[in-house]
Amino acid sequence: MFSRAQEGQISVDMMTDSKRSIRDMWNRSGIRAAALEGKIWVVYDPDNDENEIISAVIAFGPGSTPMGSEAQRELGYYDYKNALSTETKNWQKDVRNREEAYK
């Protein structure tokens, strides 16, 4: 569901080499991390007898951040990182992780 919702989003494409398989890894690792140390909320359509999830959000409260612990990273983050191209890995290291890039 997360991957379908992110289809064509430039920011997500930049994080995942524009590849669905890597986007799926990225989403799975985030969901697993939230299940371990964050929160997951889902929304169901009450008119649907199959209880289909129509929306979801993952979040981390005070004291916990996405991929902020080794236990979280072991739940798929390294597989995601290893699947990325060298160019994307370098971009994440050189630009994305610089605090001044967000000012």
N, C-alpha and C. Protein backbone atom coordinates (compact mmCIF):
# COMPACT_ATOMS: atom_id res chain seq x y z
N MET A 1 0.82 -1.17 0.00
CA MET A 1 0.00 0.00 0.00
C MET A 1 0.88 1.26 0.00
N PHE A 2 1.91 1.30 0.84
CA PHE A 2 2.78 2.47 0.86
C PHE A 2 3.45 2.68 -0.50
N SER A 3 3.94 1.59 -1.09
CA SER A 3 4.61 1.71 -2.38
C SER A 3 3.67 2.22 -3.46
N ARG A 4 2.44 1.75 -3.47
CA ARG A 4 1.48 2.24 -4.47
C ARG A 4 1.22 3.73 -4.27
N ALA A 5 1.10 4.15 -3.04
CA ALA A 5 0.82 5.56 -2.75
C ALA A 5 1.99 6.46 -3.15
N GLN A 6 3.19 5.92 -3.16
CA GLN A 6 4.38 6.73 -3.45
C GLN A 6 4.78 6.71 -4.92
N GLU A 7 4.04 6.00 -5.73
CA GLU A 7 4.36 5.89 -7.16
C GLU A 7 4.51 7.28 -7.78
N GLY A 8 5.67 7.53 -8.40
CA GLY A 8 5.91 8.77 -9.10
C GLY A 8 6.30 9.96 -8.24
N GLN A 9 6.45 9.77 -6.94
CA GLN A 9 6.87 10.89 -6.08
C GLN A 9 8.39 11.06 -6.20
N ILE A 10 8.79 12.23 -6.59
CA ILE A 10 10.20 12.49 -6.86
C ILE A 10 11.07 12.22 -5.64
N SER A 11 10.64 12.66 -4.47
CA SER A 11 11.47 12.48 -3.27
C SER A 11 11.67 10.99 -2.96
N VAL A 12 10.64 10.20 -3.17
CA VAL A 12 10.76 8.75 -2.93
C VAL A 12 11.63 8.12 -4.01
N ASP A 13 11.44 8.54 -5.25
CA ASP A 13 12.29 8.02 -6.33
C ASP A 13 13.76 8.29 -6.06
N MET A 14 14.07 9.47 -5.51
CA MET A 14 15.46 9.81 -5.19
C MET A 14 16.02 8.89 -4.11
N MET A 15 15.18 8.47 -3.19
CA MET A 15 15.63 7.60 -2.09
C MET A 15 15.72 6.13 -2.50
N THR A 16 15.13 5.79 -3.66
CA THR A 16 15.00 4.37 -4.02
C THR A 16 15.45 4.06 -5.44
N ASP A 17 16.25 4.92 -6.04
CA ASP A 17 16.72 4.71 -7.41
C ASP A 17 15.58 4.54 -8.42
N SER A 18 14.40 5.04 -8.08
CA SER A 18 13.21 4.92 -8.95
C SER A 18 12.86 3.47 -9.26
N LYS A 19 13.18 2.57 -8.34
CA LYS A 19 12.91 1.14 -8.54
C LYS A 19 11.89 0.65 -7.52
N ARG A 20 10.85 0.02 -8.02
CA ARG A 20 9.78 -0.48 -7.15
C ARG A 20 10.33 -1.48 -6.13
N SER A 21 11.23 -2.36 -6.55
CA SER A 21 11.76 -3.37 -5.63
C SER A 21 12.50 -2.72 -4.45
N ILE A 22 13.24 -1.65 -4.71
CA ILE A 22 13.95 -0.96 -3.64
C ILE A 22 12.97 -0.15 -2.79
N ARG A 23 11.98 0.45 -3.43
CA ARG A 23 10.95 1.17 -2.67
C ARG A 23 10.23 0.21 -1.73
N ASP A 24 9.96 -1.00 -2.18
CA ASP A 24 9.32 -2.00 -1.31
C ASP A 24 10.21 -2.33 -0.11
N MET A 25 11.51 -2.49 -0.36
CA MET A 25 12.45 -2.76 0.75
C MET A 25 12.44 -1.61 1.74
N TRP A 26 12.48 -0.39 1.23
CA TRP A 26 12.50 0.82 2.06
C TRP A 26 11.24 0.88 2.93
N ASN A 27 10.10 0.62 2.33
CA ASN A 27 8.85 0.64 3.09
C ASN A 27 8.78 -0.49 4.12
N ARG A 28 9.17 -1.69 3.72
CA ARG A 28 9.15 -2.81 4.68
C ARG A 28 10.04 -2.51 5.88
N SER A 29 11.23 -1.96 5.63
CA SER A 29 12.13 -1.68 6.75
C SER A 29 11.54 -0.62 7.68
N GLY A 30 10.88 0.38 7.11
CA GLY A 30 10.25 1.42 7.93
C GLY A 30 9.09 0.89 8.74
N ILE A 31 8.29 0.04 8.14
CA ILE A 31 7.14 -0.55 8.85
C ILE A 31 7.63 -1.45 9.98
N ARG A 32 8.64 -2.24 9.70
CA ARG A 32 9.18 -3.12 10.74
C ARG A 32 9.79 -2.32 11.88
N ALA A 33 10.50 -1.24 11.54
CA ALA A 33 11.09 -0.38 12.59
C ALA A 33 10.00 0.24 13.45
N ALA A 34 8.92 0.69 12.80
CA ALA A 34 7.81 1.29 13.56
C ALA A 34 7.13 0.24 14.44
N ALA A 35 7.01 -0.96 13.96
CA ALA A 35 6.41 -2.03 14.77
C ALA A 35 7.26 -2.31 16.00
N LEU A 36 8.56 -2.15 15.86
CA LEU A 36 9.47 -2.43 16.97
C LEU A 36 9.52 -1.28 17.98
N GLU A 37 9.71 -0.04 17.50
CA GLU A 37 9.96 1.07 18.42
C GLU A 37 9.14 2.32 18.13
N GLY A 38 8.16 2.21 17.28
CA GLY A 38 7.33 3.36 16.95
C GLY A 38 5.86 3.01 17.07
N LYS A 39 5.06 3.61 16.23
CA LYS A 39 3.62 3.37 16.21
C LYS A 39 3.16 3.19 14.77
N ILE A 40 2.15 2.38 14.58
CA ILE A 40 1.51 2.20 13.28
C ILE A 40 0.02 2.40 13.48
N TRP A 41 -0.55 3.29 12.69
CA TRP A 41 -2.00 3.48 12.71
C TRP A 41 -2.54 3.10 11.34
N VAL A 42 -3.68 2.43 11.33
CA VAL A 42 -4.32 2.07 10.07
C VAL A 42 -5.77 2.55 10.07
N VAL A 43 -6.28 2.80 8.88
CA VAL A 43 -7.66 3.23 8.71
C VAL A 43 -8.36 2.20 7.84
N TYR A 44 -9.50 1.75 8.31
CA TYR A 44 -10.32 0.79 7.58
C TYR A 44 -11.56 1.50 7.06
N ASP A 45 -12.10 1.00 5.96
CA ASP A 45 -13.37 1.48 5.44
C ASP A 45 -14.48 0.71 6.16
N PRO A 46 -15.27 1.35 7.01
CA PRO A 46 -16.29 0.63 7.76
C PRO A 46 -17.40 0.04 6.87
N ASP A 47 -17.49 0.54 5.65
CA ASP A 47 -18.50 0.02 4.73
C ASP A 47 -18.01 -1.17 3.92
N ASN A 48 -16.76 -1.52 4.09
CA ASN A 48 -16.18 -2.65 3.35
C ASN A 48 -16.17 -3.87 4.26
N ASP A 49 -16.87 -4.91 3.87
CA ASP A 49 -16.95 -6.13 4.68
C ASP A 49 -15.62 -6.85 4.83
N GLU A 50 -14.66 -6.58 3.95
CA GLU A 50 -13.37 -7.27 3.98
C GLU A 50 -12.35 -6.57 4.88
N ASN A 51 -12.76 -5.48 5.54
CA ASN A 51 -11.86 -4.72 6.41
C ASN A 51 -10.57 -4.31 5.71
N GLU A 52 -10.69 -3.87 4.48
CA GLU A 52 -9.53 -3.44 3.71
C GLU A 52 -8.93 -2.18 4.32
N ILE A 53 -7.60 -2.18 4.47
CA ILE A 53 -6.90 -1.00 4.96
C ILE A 53 -6.88 0.01 3.82
N ILE A 54 -7.33 1.23 4.09
CA ILE A 54 -7.34 2.26 3.05
C ILE A 54 -6.29 3.34 3.28
N SER A 55 -5.73 3.38 4.48
CA SER A 55 -4.68 4.35 4.76
C SER A 55 -3.89 3.87 5.98
N ALA A 56 -2.66 4.34 6.08
CA ALA A 56 -1.83 3.98 7.22
C ALA A 56 -0.75 5.04 7.41
N VAL A 57 -0.25 5.12 8.62
CA VAL A 57 0.85 6.03 8.93
C VAL A 57 1.75 5.35 9.96
N ILE A 58 3.04 5.58 9.81
CA ILE A 58 3.98 5.14 10.84
C ILE A 58 4.60 6.39 11.45
N ALA A 59 4.89 6.33 12.74
CA ALA A 59 5.44 7.49 13.43
C ALA A 59 6.32 7.03 14.59
N PHE A 60 7.21 7.92 14.98
CA PHE A 60 8.10 7.68 16.10
C PHE A 60 7.97 8.85 17.06
N GLY A 61 7.75 8.55 18.32
CA GLY A 61 7.56 9.59 19.32
C GLY A 61 8.87 10.04 19.93
N PRO A 62 8.77 10.86 20.95
CA PRO A 62 9.97 11.35 21.64
C PRO A 62 10.87 10.21 22.09
N GLY A 63 12.15 10.37 21.84
CA GLY A 63 13.11 9.38 22.27
C GLY A 63 13.37 8.27 21.27
N SER A 64 12.65 8.26 20.18
CA SER A 64 12.83 7.23 19.17
C SER A 64 12.75 7.86 17.79
N THR A 65 13.64 7.46 16.91
CA THR A 65 13.65 8.00 15.54
C THR A 65 13.70 6.85 14.55
N PRO A 66 13.23 7.08 13.33
CA PRO A 66 13.32 6.03 12.32
C PRO A 66 14.78 5.62 12.10
N MET A 67 15.03 4.35 12.18
CA MET A 67 16.35 3.74 12.01
C MET A 67 17.35 4.27 13.03
N GLY A 68 16.84 4.68 14.18
CA GLY A 68 17.68 5.25 15.22
C GLY A 68 18.36 4.23 16.10
N SER A 69 18.05 2.96 15.93
CA SER A 69 18.71 1.94 16.74
C SER A 69 19.17 0.80 15.84
N GLU A 70 20.15 0.10 16.31
CA GLU A 70 20.66 -1.06 15.56
C GLU A 70 19.56 -2.10 15.39
N ALA A 71 18.73 -2.27 16.40
CA ALA A 71 17.63 -3.25 16.31
C ALA A 71 16.69 -2.90 15.16
N GLN A 72 16.40 -1.62 14.97
CA GLN A 72 15.57 -1.21 13.84
C GLN A 72 16.28 -1.46 12.51
N ARG A 73 17.54 -1.07 12.43
CA ARG A 73 18.28 -1.21 11.17
C ARG A 73 18.43 -2.66 10.74
N GLU A 74 18.46 -3.57 11.69
CA GLU A 74 18.57 -4.99 11.36
C GLU A 74 17.30 -5.58 10.74
N LEU A 75 16.23 -4.79 10.73
CA LEU A 75 14.95 -5.28 10.21
C LEU A 75 14.73 -4.95 8.73
N GLY A 76 15.81 -4.81 7.98
CA GLY A 76 15.70 -4.61 6.54
C GLY A 76 16.39 -3.38 6.00
N TYR A 77 16.81 -2.48 6.88
CA TYR A 77 17.45 -1.26 6.42
C TYR A 77 18.74 -1.54 5.65
N TYR A 78 19.54 -2.46 6.14
CA TYR A 78 20.81 -2.76 5.47
C TYR A 78 20.57 -3.38 4.09
N ASP A 79 19.55 -4.21 3.96
CA ASP A 79 19.21 -4.76 2.65
C ASP A 79 18.85 -3.64 1.69
N TYR A 80 18.07 -2.69 2.16
CA TYR A 80 17.69 -1.53 1.36
C TYR A 80 18.94 -0.75 0.93
N LYS A 81 19.79 -0.42 1.88
CA LYS A 81 21.00 0.36 1.57
C LYS A 81 21.90 -0.37 0.58
N ASN A 82 22.04 -1.68 0.76
CA ASN A 82 22.91 -2.45 -0.13
C ASN A 82 22.35 -2.56 -1.55
N ALA A 83 21.06 -2.39 -1.70
CA ALA A 83 20.43 -2.47 -3.02
C ALA A 83 20.57 -1.18 -3.82
N LEU A 84 20.93 -0.09 -3.17
CA LEU A 84 21.01 1.21 -3.84
C LEU A 84 22.24 1.30 -4.75
N SER A 85 22.11 2.12 -5.79
CA SER A 85 23.25 2.40 -6.66
C SER A 85 24.30 3.19 -5.89
N THR A 86 25.52 3.16 -6.37
CA THR A 86 26.59 3.94 -5.75
C THR A 86 26.25 5.42 -5.77
N GLU A 87 25.64 5.89 -6.85
CA GLU A 87 25.27 7.30 -6.95
C GLU A 87 24.29 7.71 -5.85
N THR A 88 23.28 6.89 -5.60
CA THR A 88 22.30 7.22 -4.56
C THR A 88 22.92 7.11 -3.18
N LYS A 89 23.76 6.11 -2.95
CA LYS A 89 24.45 6.01 -1.67
C LYS A 89 25.29 7.26 -1.41
N ASN A 90 26.00 7.71 -2.42
CA ASN A 90 26.83 8.91 -2.27
C ASN A 90 25.97 10.14 -2.02
N TRP A 91 24.85 10.25 -2.73
CA TRP A 91 23.96 11.38 -2.52
C TRP A 91 23.45 11.39 -1.08
N GLN A 92 23.02 10.23 -0.59
CA GLN A 92 22.52 10.17 0.78
C GLN A 92 23.61 10.56 1.78
N LYS A 93 24.81 10.09 1.54
CA LYS A 93 25.91 10.39 2.46
C LYS A 93 26.31 11.86 2.37
N ASP A 94 26.43 12.39 1.16
CA ASP A 94 26.98 13.73 0.96
C ASP A 94 25.96 14.86 1.10
N VAL A 95 24.72 14.62 0.76
CA VAL A 95 23.73 15.69 0.76
C VAL A 95 22.65 15.48 1.81
N ARG A 96 22.00 14.35 1.74
CA ARG A 96 20.84 14.11 2.60
C ARG A 96 21.19 14.19 4.08
N ASN A 97 22.36 13.75 4.46
CA ASN A 97 22.72 13.71 5.88
C ASN A 97 23.37 15.00 6.38
N ARG A 98 23.43 16.02 5.53
CA ARG A 98 23.99 17.30 5.96
C ARG A 98 22.87 18.18 6.49
N GLU A 99 22.99 18.59 7.71
CA GLU A 99 21.95 19.42 8.34
C GLU A 99 21.69 20.70 7.55
N GLU A 100 22.74 21.31 7.01
CA GLU A 100 22.56 22.57 6.30
C GLU A 100 21.77 22.40 4.99
N ALA A 101 21.64 21.19 4.50
CA ALA A 101 20.86 20.95 3.29
C ALA A 101 19.37 21.18 3.53
N TYR A 102 18.95 21.22 4.78
CA TYR A 102 17.53 21.37 5.11
C TYR A 102 17.18 22.77 5.57
N LYS A 103 18.10 23.71 5.48
CA LYS A 103 17.84 25.09 5.92
C LYS A 103 17.28 25.91 4.78
